[in-house]
Amino acid sequence: MSDVIRLAGITVFAHHGVFPEERRDGQTFLIDVEVEYDMTPAAASDDVSDAIDYGSLAAAIAKNAASDPVDLLETLALRLIRVVMTFEKALAATVTIHKPDAPMPVPVTGSSISLRRERAEL
């Protein structure tokens, strides 16, 4: 499938992380989402009901990411893929979570993880 919606930089303040100060103080996370689905019906009809609504998708991702802190970004990414799959047209999703202020023992310009799953894998 080569039809993909891409949302980049969904910005969320949350309390995810392994360290107590991350849980206590929180930090900003940036989330990129790619959703694979067949856009043929939407392209033919020009009707949003045949598409995945980008705004609804972004809002659902942001709401979920801001709630229920977890230790690992891998856990959060899988949870967000499950949110994507509540959109019935979604066939596969990739979620990338950037943690710009991750505590590190050496300077880094950024850190992120990416997870991709197909609907059948969940």
PDB file of N, CA and C in Angstrom:
ATOM      1  N   MET A   1       0.865  -1.182   0.000  1.00  0.00           N
ATOM      2  CA  MET A   1       0.000   0.000   0.000  1.00  0.00           C
ATOM      3  C   MET A   1       0.896   1.223   0.000  1.00  0.00           C
ATOM      4  N   SER A   2       0.683   2.117  -0.935  1.00  0.00           N
ATOM      5  CA  SER A   2       1.506   3.323  -0.991  1.00  0.00           C
ATOM      6  C   SER A   2       0.723   4.579  -0.632  1.00  0.00           C
ATOM      7  N   ASP A   3      -0.549   4.443  -0.251  1.00  0.00           N
ATOM      8  CA  ASP A   3      -1.353   5.593   0.152  1.00  0.00           C
ATOM      9  C   ASP A   3      -1.117   5.841   1.638  1.00  0.00           C
ATOM     10  N   VAL A   4      -0.630   7.043   1.963  1.00  0.00           N
ATOM     11  CA  VAL A   4      -0.221   7.314   3.345  1.00  0.00           C
ATOM     12  C   VAL A   4      -0.630   8.724   3.759  1.00  0.00           C
ATOM     13  N   ILE A   5      -1.231   8.833   4.922  1.00  0.00           N
ATOM     14  CA  ILE A   5      -1.418  10.119   5.599  1.00  0.00           C
ATOM     15  C   ILE A   5      -0.204  10.298   6.501  1.00  0.00           C
ATOM     16  N   ARG A   6       0.370  11.489   6.500  1.00  0.00           N
ATOM     17  CA  ARG A   6       1.475  11.794   7.408  1.00  0.00           C
ATOM     18  C   ARG A   6       1.118  13.015   8.245  1.00  0.00           C
ATOM     19  N   LEU A   7       1.199  12.845   9.541  1.00  0.00           N
ATOM     20  CA  LEU A   7       1.052  13.959  10.472  1.00  0.00           C
ATOM     21  C   LEU A   7       2.383  14.094  11.193  1.00  0.00           C
ATOM     22  N   ALA A   8       2.979  15.268  11.134  1.00  0.00           N
ATOM     23  CA  ALA A   8       4.305  15.460  11.722  1.00  0.00           C
ATOM     24  C   ALA A   8       4.242  16.474  12.855  1.00  0.00           C
ATOM     25  N   GLY A   9       4.900  16.116  13.948  1.00  0.00           N
ATOM     26  CA  GLY A   9       5.084  17.067  15.038  1.00  0.00           C
ATOM     27  C   GLY A   9       3.864  17.339  15.894  1.00  0.00           C
ATOM     28  N   ILE A  10       3.009  16.347  16.080  1.00  0.00           N
ATOM     29  CA  ILE A  10       1.921  16.519  17.041  1.00  0.00           C
ATOM     30  C   ILE A  10       2.596  16.750  18.392  1.00  0.00           C
ATOM     31  N   THR A  11       2.354  17.887  18.988  1.00  0.00           N
ATOM     32  CA  THR A  11       3.079  18.300  20.187  1.00  0.00           C
ATOM     33  C   THR A  11       2.230  18.059  21.429  1.00  0.00           C
ATOM     34  N   VAL A  12       2.815  17.309  22.369  1.00  0.00           N
ATOM     35  CA  VAL A  12       2.094  16.907  23.576  1.00  0.00           C
ATOM     36  C   VAL A  12       3.007  17.089  24.783  1.00  0.00           C
ATOM     37  N   PHE A  13       2.467  17.662  25.839  1.00  0.00           N
ATOM     38  CA  PHE A  13       3.181  17.700  27.119  1.00  0.00           C
ATOM     39  C   PHE A  13       2.662  16.540  27.951  1.00  0.00           C
ATOM     40  N   ALA A  14       3.589  15.697  28.434  1.00  0.00           N
ATOM     41  CA  ALA A  14       3.180  14.503  29.171  1.00  0.00           C
ATOM     42  C   ALA A  14       4.245  14.125  30.194  1.00  0.00           C
ATOM     43  N   HIS A  15       3.955  13.092  30.964  1.00  0.00           N
ATOM     44  CA  HIS A  15       4.812  12.683  32.086  1.00  0.00           C
ATOM     45  C   HIS A  15       5.368  11.267  31.895  1.00  0.00           C
ATOM     46  N   HIS A  16       5.718  10.916  30.669  1.00  0.00           N
ATOM     47  CA  HIS A  16       6.286   9.604  30.383  1.00  0.00           C
ATOM     48  C   HIS A  16       7.776   9.603  30.707  1.00  0.00           C
ATOM     49  N   GLY A  17       8.278   8.455  31.133  1.00  0.00           N
ATOM     50  CA  GLY A  17       9.708   8.321  31.361  1.00  0.00           C
ATOM     51  C   GLY A  17      10.021   7.397  32.515  1.00  0.00           C
ATOM     52  N   VAL A  18      11.246   6.946  32.547  1.00  0.00           N
ATOM     53  CA  VAL A  18      11.714   6.010  33.558  1.00  0.00           C
ATOM     54  C   VAL A  18      12.096   6.723  34.853  1.00  0.00           C
ATOM     55  N   PHE A  19      12.592   7.947  34.738  1.00  0.00           N
ATOM     56  CA  PHE A  19      13.120   8.646  35.904  1.00  0.00           C
ATOM     57  C   PHE A  19      12.039   9.413  36.666  1.00  0.00           C
ATOM     58  N   PRO A  20      12.167   9.457  37.993  1.00  0.00           N
ATOM     59  CA  PRO A  20      11.158  10.146  38.812  1.00  0.00           C
ATOM     60  C   PRO A  20      10.929  11.598  38.401  1.00  0.00           C
ATOM     61  N   GLU A  21      11.992  12.298  38.022  1.00  0.00           N
ATOM     62  CA  GLU A  21      11.838  13.701  37.633  1.00  0.00           C
ATOM     63  C   GLU A  21      11.042  13.842  36.327  1.00  0.00           C
ATOM     64  N   GLU A  22      11.129  12.858  35.443  1.00  0.00           N
ATOM     65  CA  GLU A  22      10.328  12.899  34.214  1.00  0.00           C
ATOM     66  C   GLU A  22       8.855  12.742  34.548  1.00  0.00           C
ATOM     67  N   ARG A  23       8.561  11.848  35.451  1.00  0.00           N
ATOM     68  CA  ARG A  23       7.177  11.621  35.869  1.00  0.00           C
ATOM     69  C   ARG A  23       6.643  12.842  36.619  1.00  0.00           C
ATOM     70  N   ARG A  24       7.484  13.431  37.446  1.00  0.00           N
ATOM     71  CA  ARG A  24       7.058  14.574  38.255  1.00  0.00           C
ATOM     72  C   ARG A  24       6.898  15.851  37.415  1.00  0.00           C
ATOM     73  N   ASP A  25       7.931  16.176  36.623  1.00  0.00           N
ATOM     74  CA  ASP A  25       7.974  17.459  35.931  1.00  0.00           C
ATOM     75  C   ASP A  25       7.344  17.434  34.549  1.00  0.00           C
ATOM     76  N   GLY A  26       7.345  16.274  33.892  1.00  0.00           N
ATOM     77  CA  GLY A  26       6.834  16.176  32.528  1.00  0.00           C
ATOM     78  C   GLY A  26       7.769  16.834  31.531  1.00  0.00           C
ATOM     79  N   GLN A  27       7.439  16.668  30.256  1.00  0.00           N
ATOM     80  CA  GLN A  27       8.221  17.257  29.173  1.00  0.00           C
ATOM     81  C   GLN A  27       7.423  17.189  27.874  1.00  0.00           C
ATOM     82  N   THR A  28       7.933  17.856  26.866  1.00  0.00           N
ATOM     83  CA  THR A  28       7.277  17.886  25.570  1.00  0.00           C
ATOM     84  C   THR A  28       7.726  16.700  24.716  1.00  0.00           C
ATOM     85  N   PHE A  29       6.751  16.077  24.071  1.00  0.00           N
ATOM     86  CA  PHE A  29       6.990  14.992  23.130  1.00  0.00           C
ATOM     87  C   PHE A  29       6.455  15.435  21.775  1.00  0.00           C
ATOM     88  N   LEU A  30       7.128  15.050  20.714  1.00  0.00           N
ATOM     89  CA  LEU A  30       6.679  15.308  19.349  1.00  0.00           C
ATOM     90  C   LEU A  30       6.377  13.968  18.713  1.00  0.00           C
ATOM     91  N   ILE A  31       5.199  13.864  18.117  1.00  0.00           N
ATOM     92  CA  ILE A  31       4.748  12.578  17.587  1.00  0.00           C
ATOM     93  C   ILE A  31       4.461  12.710  16.097  1.00  0.00           C
ATOM     94  N   ASP A  32       5.057  11.817  15.329  1.00  0.00           N
ATOM     95  CA  ASP A  32       4.788  11.712  13.892  1.00  0.00           C
ATOM     96  C   ASP A  32       3.994  10.432  13.676  1.00  0.00           C
ATOM     97  N   VAL A  33       2.974  10.532  12.837  1.00  0.00           N
ATOM     98  CA  VAL A  33       2.128   9.373  12.556  1.00  0.00           C
ATOM     99  C   VAL A  33       1.996   9.216  11.051  1.00  0.00           C
ATOM    100  N   GLU A  34       2.178   7.995  10.589  1.00  0.00           N
ATOM    101  CA  GLU A  34       1.905   7.648   9.195  1.00  0.00           C
ATOM    102  C   GLU A  34       0.856   6.552   9.201  1.00  0.00           C
ATOM    103  N   VAL A  35      -0.210   6.768   8.441  1.00  0.00           N
ATOM    104  CA  VAL A  35      -1.296   5.796   8.375  1.00  0.00           C
ATOM    105  C   VAL A  35      -1.484   5.368   6.931  1.00  0.00           C
ATOM    106  N   GLU A  36      -1.399   4.067   6.717  1.00  0.00           N
ATOM    107  CA  GLU A  36      -1.615   3.509   5.390  1.00  0.00           C
ATOM    108  C   GLU A  36      -3.075   3.093   5.261  1.00  0.00           C
ATOM    109  N   TYR A  37      -3.714   3.558   4.203  1.00  0.00           N
ATOM    110  CA  TYR A  37      -5.076   3.122   3.890  1.00  0.00           C
ATOM    111  C   TYR A  37      -5.333   3.350   2.421  1.00  0.00           C
ATOM    112  N   ASP A  38      -6.327   2.696   1.887  1.00  0.00           N
ATOM    113  CA  ASP A  38      -6.671   2.815   0.470  1.00  0.00           C
ATOM    114  C   ASP A  38      -7.438   4.114   0.254  1.00  0.00           C
ATOM    115  N   MET A  39      -6.804   5.075  -0.393  1.00  0.00           N
ATOM    116  CA  MET A  39      -7.413   6.376  -0.637  1.00  0.00           C
ATOM    117  C   MET A  39      -8.261   6.416  -1.900  1.00  0.00           C
ATOM    118  N   THR A  40      -8.346   5.306  -2.624  1.00  0.00           N
ATOM    119  CA  THR A  40      -9.092   5.283  -3.880  1.00  0.00           C
ATOM    120  C   THR A  40     -10.537   5.746  -3.703  1.00  0.00           C
ATOM    121  N   PRO A  41     -11.300   5.225  -2.727  1.00  0.00           N
ATOM    122  CA  PRO A  41     -12.684   5.683  -2.575  1.00  0.00           C
ATOM    123  C   PRO A  41     -12.788   7.183  -2.288  1.00  0.00           C
ATOM    124  N   ALA A  42     -11.924   7.714  -1.431  1.00  0.00           N
ATOM    125  CA  ALA A  42     -11.965   9.140  -1.110  1.00  0.00           C
ATOM    126  C   ALA A  42     -11.581   9.989  -2.324  1.00  0.00           C
ATOM    127  N   ALA A  43     -10.576   9.546  -3.048  1.00  0.00           N
ATOM    128  CA  ALA A  43     -10.151  10.296  -4.231  1.00  0.00           C
ATOM    129  C   ALA A  43     -11.248  10.333  -5.286  1.00  0.00           C
ATOM    130  N   ALA A  44     -11.987   9.234  -5.425  1.00  0.00           N
ATOM    131  CA  ALA A  44     -13.055   9.160  -6.431  1.00  0.00           C
ATOM    132  C   ALA A  44     -14.284   9.964  -6.016  1.00  0.00           C
ATOM    133  N   SER A  45     -14.620   9.927  -4.727  1.00  0.00           N
ATOM    134  CA  SER A  45     -15.864  10.571  -4.276  1.00  0.00           C
ATOM    135  C   SER A  45     -15.684  12.022  -3.860  1.00  0.00           C
ATOM    136  N   ASP A  46     -14.464  12.409  -3.487  1.00  0.00           N
ATOM    137  CA  ASP A  46     -14.188  13.740  -2.947  1.00  0.00           C
ATOM    138  C   ASP A  46     -15.025  13.999  -1.697  1.00  0.00           C
ATOM    139  N   ASP A  47     -15.254  12.945  -0.922  1.00  0.00           N
ATOM    140  CA  ASP A  47     -16.099  13.011   0.271  1.00  0.00           C
ATOM    141  C   ASP A  47     -15.278  12.592   1.481  1.00  0.00           C
ATOM    142  N   VAL A  48     -15.229  13.456   2.484  1.00  0.00           N
ATOM    143  CA  VAL A  48     -14.415  13.188   3.669  1.00  0.00           C
ATOM    144  C   VAL A  48     -14.856  11.925   4.410  1.00  0.00           C
ATOM    145  N   SER A  49     -16.104  11.516   4.239  1.00  0.00           N
ATOM    146  CA  SER A  49     -16.553  10.295   4.916  1.00  0.00           C
ATOM    147  C   SER A  49     -15.891   9.042   4.328  1.00  0.00           C
ATOM    148  N   ASP A  50     -15.285   9.174   3.162  1.00  0.00           N
ATOM    149  CA  ASP A  50     -14.551   8.059   2.553  1.00  0.00           C
ATOM    150  C   ASP A  50     -13.055   8.105   2.888  1.00  0.00           C
ATOM    151  N   ALA A  51     -12.672   9.079   3.710  1.00  0.00           N
ATOM    152  CA  ALA A  51     -11.269   9.268   4.067  1.00  0.00           C
ATOM    153  C   ALA A  51     -11.091   9.089   5.580  1.00  0.00           C
ATOM    154  N   ILE A  52      -9.861   9.164   6.013  1.00  0.00           N
ATOM    155  CA  ILE A  52      -9.563   9.285   7.437  1.00  0.00           C
ATOM    156  C   ILE A  52      -9.394  10.770   7.718  1.00  0.00           C
ATOM    157  N   ASP A  53     -10.186  11.286   8.625  1.00  0.00           N
ATOM    158  CA  ASP A  53     -10.159  12.711   8.965  1.00  0.00           C
ATOM    159  C   ASP A  53      -8.872  13.025   9.735  1.00  0.00           C
ATOM    160  N   TYR A  54      -7.988  13.835   9.140  1.00  0.00           N
ATOM    161  CA  TYR A  54      -6.695  14.150   9.749  1.00  0.00           C
ATOM    162  C   TYR A  54      -6.859  14.820  11.107  1.00  0.00           C
ATOM    163  N   GLY A  55      -7.812  15.739  11.198  1.00  0.00           N
ATOM    164  CA  GLY A  55      -8.014  16.466  12.458  1.00  0.00           C
ATOM    165  C   GLY A  55      -8.444  15.545  13.582  1.00  0.00           C
ATOM    166  N   SER A  56      -9.377  14.663  13.295  1.00  0.00           N
ATOM    167  CA  SER A  56      -9.828  13.701  14.305  1.00  0.00           C
ATOM    168  C   SER A  56      -8.694  12.765  14.715  1.00  0.00           C
ATOM    169  N   LEU A  57      -7.900  12.365  13.743  1.00  0.00           N
ATOM    170  CA  LEU A  57      -6.765  11.488  14.028  1.00  0.00           C
ATOM    171  C   LEU A  57      -5.759  12.199  14.933  1.00  0.00           C
ATOM    172  N   ALA A  58      -5.396  13.426  14.591  1.00  0.00           N
ATOM    173  CA  ALA A  58      -4.421  14.174  15.394  1.00  0.00           C
ATOM    174  C   ALA A  58      -4.940  14.392  16.814  1.00  0.00           C
ATOM    175  N   ALA A  59      -6.216  14.730  16.951  1.00  0.00           N
ATOM    176  CA  ALA A  59      -6.793  14.956  18.277  1.00  0.00           C
ATOM    177  C   ALA A  59      -6.796  13.678  19.111  1.00  0.00           C
ATOM    178  N   ALA A  60      -7.119  12.553  18.498  1.00  0.00           N
ATOM    179  CA  ALA A  60      -7.143  11.278  19.228  1.00  0.00           C
ATOM    180  C   ALA A  60      -5.736  10.891  19.690  1.00  0.00           C
ATOM    181  N   ILE A  61      -4.748  11.101  18.841  1.00  0.00           N
ATOM    182  CA  ILE A  61      -3.362  10.798  19.203  1.00  0.00           C
ATOM    183  C   ILE A  61      -2.912  11.693  20.351  1.00  0.00           C
ATOM    184  N   ALA A  62      -3.155  12.987  20.243  1.00  0.00           N
ATOM    185  CA  ALA A  62      -2.715  13.930  21.275  1.00  0.00           C
ATOM    186  C   ALA A  62      -3.377  13.639  22.615  1.00  0.00           C
ATOM    187  N   LYS A  63      -4.669  13.372  22.599  1.00  0.00           N
ATOM    188  CA  LYS A  63      -5.384  13.098  23.848  1.00  0.00           C
ATOM    189  C   LYS A  63      -4.828  11.858  24.535  1.00  0.00           C
ATOM    190  N   ASN A  64      -4.614  10.804  23.776  1.00  0.00           N
ATOM    191  CA  ASN A  64      -4.121   9.563  24.359  1.00  0.00           C
ATOM    192  C   ASN A  64      -2.684   9.718  24.852  1.00  0.00           C
ATOM    193  N   ALA A  65      -1.844  10.390  24.081  1.00  0.00           N
ATOM    194  CA  ALA A  65      -0.434  10.541  24.453  1.00  0.00           C
ATOM    195  C   ALA A  65      -0.261  11.376  25.716  1.00  0.00           C
ATOM    196  N   ALA A  66      -1.184  12.273  25.979  1.00  0.00           N
ATOM    197  CA  ALA A  66      -1.081  13.139  27.153  1.00  0.00           C
ATOM    198  C   ALA A  66      -1.568  12.459  28.428  1.00  0.00           C
ATOM    199  N   SER A  67      -2.138  11.274  28.312  1.00  0.00           N
ATOM    200  CA  SER A  67      -2.720  10.609  29.480  1.00  0.00           C
ATOM    201  C   SER A  67      -1.910   9.386  29.887  1.00  0.00           C
ATOM    202  N   ASP A  68      -2.193   8.872  31.053  1.00  0.00           N
ATOM    203  CA  ASP A  68      -1.664   7.589  31.541  1.00  0.00           C
ATOM    204  C   ASP A  68      -0.170   7.393  31.274  1.00  0.00           C
ATOM    205  N   PRO A  69       0.685   8.011  32.064  1.00  0.00           N
ATOM    206  CA  PRO A  69       2.128   7.900  31.849  1.00  0.00           C
ATOM    207  C   PRO A  69       2.634   6.456  31.830  1.00  0.00           C
ATOM    208  N   VAL A  70       3.639   6.231  30.984  1.00  0.00           N
ATOM    209  CA  VAL A  70       4.319   4.939  30.879  1.00  0.00           C
ATOM    210  C   VAL A  70       5.822   5.184  30.989  1.00  0.00           C
ATOM    211  N   ASP A  71       6.554   4.123  31.270  1.00  0.00           N
ATOM    212  CA  ASP A  71       8.011   4.247  31.357  1.00  0.00           C
ATOM    213  C   ASP A  71       8.652   4.372  29.981  1.00  0.00           C
ATOM    214  N   LEU A  72       8.231   3.520  29.049  1.00  0.00           N
ATOM    215  CA  LEU A  72       8.927   3.397  27.769  1.00  0.00           C
ATOM    216  C   LEU A  72       8.157   4.001  26.602  1.00  0.00           C
ATOM    217  N   LEU A  73       8.884   4.663  25.715  1.00  0.00           N
ATOM    218  CA  LEU A  73       8.263   5.196  24.503  1.00  0.00           C
ATOM    219  C   LEU A  73       7.738   4.078  23.618  1.00  0.00           C
ATOM    220  N   GLU A  74       8.366   2.905  23.676  1.00  0.00           N
ATOM    221  CA  GLU A  74       7.895   1.765  22.909  1.00  0.00           C
ATOM    222  C   GLU A  74       6.467   1.388  23.311  1.00  0.00           C
ATOM    223  N   THR A  75       6.209   1.441  24.601  1.00  0.00           N
ATOM    224  CA  THR A  75       4.868   1.144  25.118  1.00  0.00           C
ATOM    225  C   THR A  75       3.872   2.186  24.627  1.00  0.00           C
ATOM    226  N   LEU A  76       4.260   3.443  24.694  1.00  0.00           N
ATOM    227  CA  LEU A  76       3.386   4.522  24.226  1.00  0.00           C
ATOM    228  C   LEU A  76       3.131   4.406  22.728  1.00  0.00           C
ATOM    229  N   ALA A  77       4.147   4.099  21.956  1.00  0.00           N
ATOM    230  CA  ALA A  77       3.982   3.986  20.499  1.00  0.00           C
ATOM    231  C   ALA A  77       2.990   2.889  20.139  1.00  0.00           C
ATOM    232  N   LEU A  78       3.089   1.743  20.798  1.00  0.00           N
ATOM    233  CA  LEU A  78       2.136   0.668  20.521  1.00  0.00           C
ATOM    234  C   LEU A  78       0.725   1.092  20.905  1.00  0.00           C
ATOM    235  N   ARG A  79       0.595   1.775  22.015  1.00  0.00           N
ATOM    236  CA  ARG A  79      -0.718   2.275  22.440  1.00  0.00           C
ATOM    237  C   ARG A  79      -1.290   3.242  21.401  1.00  0.00           C
ATOM    238  N   LEU A  80      -0.435   4.105  20.849  1.00  0.00           N
ATOM    239  CA  LEU A  80      -0.908   5.068  19.849  1.00  0.00           C
ATOM    240  C   LEU A  80      -1.267   4.380  18.531  1.00  0.00           C
ATOM    241  N   ILE A  81      -0.557   3.326  18.177  1.00  0.00           N
ATOM    242  CA  ILE A  81      -0.948   2.566  16.990  1.00  0.00           C
ATOM    243  C   ILE A  81      -2.338   1.977  17.189  1.00  0.00           C
ATOM    244  N   ARG A  82      -2.626   1.516  18.383  1.00  0.00           N
ATOM    245  CA  ARG A  82      -3.969   0.994  18.659  1.00  0.00           C
ATOM    246  C   ARG A  82      -5.022   2.093  18.531  1.00  0.00           C
ATOM    247  N   VAL A  83      -4.670   3.321  18.880  1.00  0.00           N
ATOM    248  CA  VAL A  83      -5.584   4.450  18.667  1.00  0.00           C
ATOM    249  C   VAL A  83      -5.827   4.644  17.172  1.00  0.00           C
ATOM    250  N   VAL A  84      -4.760   4.609  16.390  1.00  0.00           N
ATOM    251  CA  VAL A  84      -4.906   4.745  14.935  1.00  0.00           C
ATOM    252  C   VAL A  84      -5.854   3.686  14.393  1.00  0.00           C
ATOM    253  N   MET A  85      -5.735   2.469  14.890  1.00  0.00           N
ATOM    254  CA  MET A  85      -6.547   1.376  14.375  1.00  0.00           C
ATOM    255  C   MET A  85      -8.023   1.469  14.766  1.00  0.00           C
ATOM    256  N   THR A  86      -8.377   2.427  15.630  1.00  0.00           N
ATOM    257  CA  THR A  86      -9.809   2.665  15.880  1.00  0.00           C
ATOM    258  C   THR A  86     -10.452   3.335  14.662  1.00  0.00           C
ATOM    259  N   PHE A  87      -9.625   3.850  13.764  1.00  0.00           N
ATOM    260  CA  PHE A  87     -10.116   4.381  12.494  1.00  0.00           C
ATOM    261  C   PHE A  87     -10.180   3.190  11.546  1.00  0.00           C
ATOM    262  N   GLU A  88     -11.379   2.738  11.235  1.00  0.00           N
ATOM    263  CA  GLU A  88     -11.565   1.444  10.582  1.00  0.00           C
ATOM    264  C   GLU A  88     -10.893   1.332   9.216  1.00  0.00           C
ATOM    265  N   LYS A  89     -10.622   2.428   8.544  1.00  0.00           N
ATOM    266  CA  LYS A  89      -9.981   2.366   7.234  1.00  0.00           C
ATOM    267  C   LYS A  89      -8.471   2.136   7.326  1.00  0.00           C
ATOM    268  N   ALA A  90      -7.897   2.352   8.500  1.00  0.00           N
ATOM    269  CA  ALA A  90      -6.449   2.203   8.684  1.00  0.00           C
ATOM    270  C   ALA A  90      -6.025   0.747   8.502  1.00  0.00           C
ATOM    271  N   LEU A  91      -5.017   0.536   7.680  1.00  0.00           N
ATOM    272  CA  LEU A  91      -4.493  -0.809   7.429  1.00  0.00           C
ATOM    273  C   LEU A  91      -3.172  -1.050   8.159  1.00  0.00           C
ATOM    274  N   ALA A  92      -2.379   0.001   8.294  1.00  0.00           N
ATOM    275  CA  ALA A  92      -1.092  -0.080   8.984  1.00  0.00           C
ATOM    276  C   ALA A  92      -0.743   1.322   9.466  1.00  0.00           C
ATOM    277  N   ALA A  93       0.120   1.370  10.484  1.00  0.00           N
ATOM    278  CA  ALA A  93       0.521   2.672  11.019  1.00  0.00           C
ATOM    279  C   ALA A  93       1.958   2.611  11.502  1.00  0.00           C
ATOM    280  N   THR A  94       2.625   3.733  11.360  1.00  0.00           N
ATOM    281  CA  THR A  94       3.948   3.934  11.940  1.00  0.00           C
ATOM    282  C   THR A  94       3.846   5.139  12.858  1.00  0.00           C
ATOM    283  N   VAL A  95       4.296   4.972  14.077  1.00  0.00           N
ATOM    284  CA  VAL A  95       4.333   6.070  15.041  1.00  0.00           C
ATOM    285  C   VAL A  95       5.789   6.294  15.418  1.00  0.00           C
ATOM    286  N   THR A  96       6.224   7.544  15.313  1.00  0.00           N
ATOM    287  CA  THR A  96       7.552   7.948  15.757  1.00  0.00           C
ATOM    288  C   THR A  96       7.365   8.957  16.875  1.00  0.00           C
ATOM    289  N   ILE A  97       8.016   8.701  17.999  1.00  0.00           N
ATOM    290  CA  ILE A  97       7.935   9.611  19.132  1.00  0.00           C
ATOM    291  C   ILE A  97       9.313  10.202  19.372  1.00  0.00           C
ATOM    292  N   HIS A  98       9.373  11.528  19.330  1.00  0.00           N
ATOM    293  CA  HIS A  98      10.606  12.264  19.591  1.00  0.00           C
ATOM    294  C   HIS A  98      10.550  12.774  21.027  1.00  0.00           C
ATOM    295  N   LYS A  99      11.644  12.620  21.715  1.00  0.00           N
ATOM    296  CA  LYS A  99      11.755  13.084  23.094  1.00  0.00           C
ATOM    297  C   LYS A  99      12.945  14.048  23.143  1.00  0.00           C
ATOM    298  N   PRO A 100      12.698  15.318  22.779  1.00  0.00           N
ATOM    299  CA  PRO A 100      13.800  16.261  22.618  1.00  0.00           C
ATOM    300  C   PRO A 100      14.594  16.521  23.899  1.00  0.00           C
ATOM    301  N   ASP A 101      13.959  16.398  25.038  1.00  0.00           N
ATOM    302  CA  ASP A 101      14.636  16.706  26.296  1.00  0.00           C
ATOM    303  C   ASP A 101      14.933  15.464  27.124  1.00  0.00           C
ATOM    304  N   ALA A 102      15.124  14.334  26.467  1.00  0.00           N
ATOM    305  CA  ALA A 102      15.426  13.095  27.180  1.00  0.00           C
ATOM    306  C   ALA A 102      16.722  13.252  27.973  1.00  0.00           C
ATOM    307  N   PRO A 103      16.696  12.812  29.228  1.00  0.00           N
ATOM    308  CA  PRO A 103      17.938  12.874  29.999  1.00  0.00           C
ATOM    309  C   PRO A 103      18.962  11.884  29.437  1.00  0.00           C
ATOM    310  N   MET A 104      20.137  12.401  29.098  1.00  0.00           N
ATOM    311  CA  MET A 104      21.179  11.581  28.474  1.00  0.00           C
ATOM    312  C   MET A 104      22.511  11.853  29.164  1.00  0.00           C
ATOM    313  N   PRO A 105      23.378  10.847  29.190  1.00  0.00           N
ATOM    314  CA  PRO A 105      24.687  11.045  29.817  1.00  0.00           C
ATOM    315  C   PRO A 105      25.670  11.832  28.950  1.00  0.00           C
ATOM    316  N   VAL A 106      25.335  11.990  27.660  1.00  0.00           N
ATOM    317  CA  VAL A 106      26.170  12.762  26.743  1.00  0.00           C
ATOM    318  C   VAL A 106      25.245  13.631  25.888  1.00  0.00           C
ATOM    319  N   PRO A 107      25.742  14.724  25.315  1.00  0.00           N
ATOM    320  CA  PRO A 107      24.901  15.567  24.469  1.00  0.00           C
ATOM    321  C   PRO A 107      24.419  14.820  23.220  1.00  0.00           C
ATOM    322  N   VAL A 108      23.138  14.951  22.917  1.00  0.00           N
ATOM    323  CA  VAL A 108      22.559  14.438  21.675  1.00  0.00           C
ATOM    324  C   VAL A 108      21.651  15.513  21.107  1.00  0.00           C
ATOM    325  N   THR A 109      21.472  15.510  19.805  1.00  0.00           N
ATOM    326  CA  THR A 109      20.591  16.514  19.199  1.00  0.00           C
ATOM    327  C   THR A 109      19.138  16.072  19.202  1.00  0.00           C
ATOM    328  N   GLY A 110      18.892  14.818  19.560  1.00  0.00           N
ATOM    329  CA  GLY A 110      17.509  14.335  19.630  1.00  0.00           C
ATOM    330  C   GLY A 110      17.488  12.844  19.866  1.00  0.00           C
ATOM    331  N   SER A 111      16.347  12.384  20.299  1.00  0.00           N
ATOM    332  CA  SER A 111      16.151  10.940  20.454  1.00  0.00           C
ATOM    333  C   SER A 111      14.724  10.620  20.047  1.00  0.00           C
ATOM    334  N   SER A 112      14.542   9.447  19.446  1.00  0.00           N
ATOM    335  CA  SER A 112      13.203   9.053  19.025  1.00  0.00           C
ATOM    336  C   SER A 112      13.159   7.542  18.842  1.00  0.00           C
ATOM    337  N   ILE A 113      11.940   7.034  18.831  1.00  0.00           N
ATOM    338  CA  ILE A 113      11.715   5.629  18.481  1.00  0.00           C
ATOM    339  C   ILE A 113      10.603   5.589  17.445  1.00  0.00           C
ATOM    340  N   SER A 114      10.615   4.556  16.624  1.00  0.00           N
ATOM    341  CA  SER A 114       9.555   4.343  15.635  1.00  0.00           C
ATOM    342  C   SER A 114       9.063   2.911  15.737  1.00  0.00           C
ATOM    343  N   LEU A 115       7.755   2.764  15.590  1.00  0.00           N
ATOM    344  CA  LEU A 115       7.127   1.447  15.641  1.00  0.00           C
ATOM    345  C   LEU A 115       6.100   1.381  14.519  1.00  0.00           C
ATOM    346  N   ARG A 116       6.110   0.291  13.754  1.00  0.00           N
ATOM    347  CA  ARG A 116       5.133   0.090  12.682  1.00  0.00           C
ATOM    348  C   ARG A 116       4.422  -1.233  12.906  1.00  0.00           C
ATOM    349  N   ARG A 117       3.107  -1.193  12.751  1.00  0.00           N
ATOM    350  CA  ARG A 117       2.314  -2.418  12.855  1.00  0.00           C
ATOM    351  C   ARG A 117       1.217  -2.374  11.801  1.00  0.00           C
ATOM    352  N   GLU A 118       0.882  -3.565  11.311  1.00  0.00           N
ATOM    353  CA  GLU A 118      -0.280  -3.726  10.449  1.00  0.00           C
ATOM    354  C   GLU A 118      -1.453  -4.153  11.311  1.00  0.00           C
ATOM    355  N   ARG A 119      -2.644  -3.865  10.833  1.00  0.00           N
ATOM    356  CA  ARG A 119      -3.865  -4.191  11.604  1.00  0.00           C
ATOM    357  C   ARG A 119      -3.864  -5.655  12.044  1.00  0.00           C
ATOM    358  N   ALA A 120      -3.457  -6.557  11.173  1.00  0.00           N
ATOM    359  CA  ALA A 120      -3.488  -7.988  11.485  1.00  0.00           C
ATOM    360  C   ALA A 120      -2.527  -8.374  12.606  1.00  0.00           C
ATOM    361  N   GLU A 121      -1.556  -7.535  12.902  1.00  0.00           N
ATOM    362  CA  GLU A 121      -0.579  -7.839  13.941  1.00  0.00           C
ATOM    363  C   GLU A 121      -1.047  -7.471  15.346  1.00  0.00           C
ATOM    364  N   LEU A 122      -2.145  -6.769  15.429  1.00  0.00           N
ATOM    365  CA  LEU A 122      -2.606  -6.296  16.744  1.00  0.00           C
ATOM    366  C   LEU A 122      -3.656  -7.206  17.331  1.00  0.00           C
TER     367      LEU A 122
END
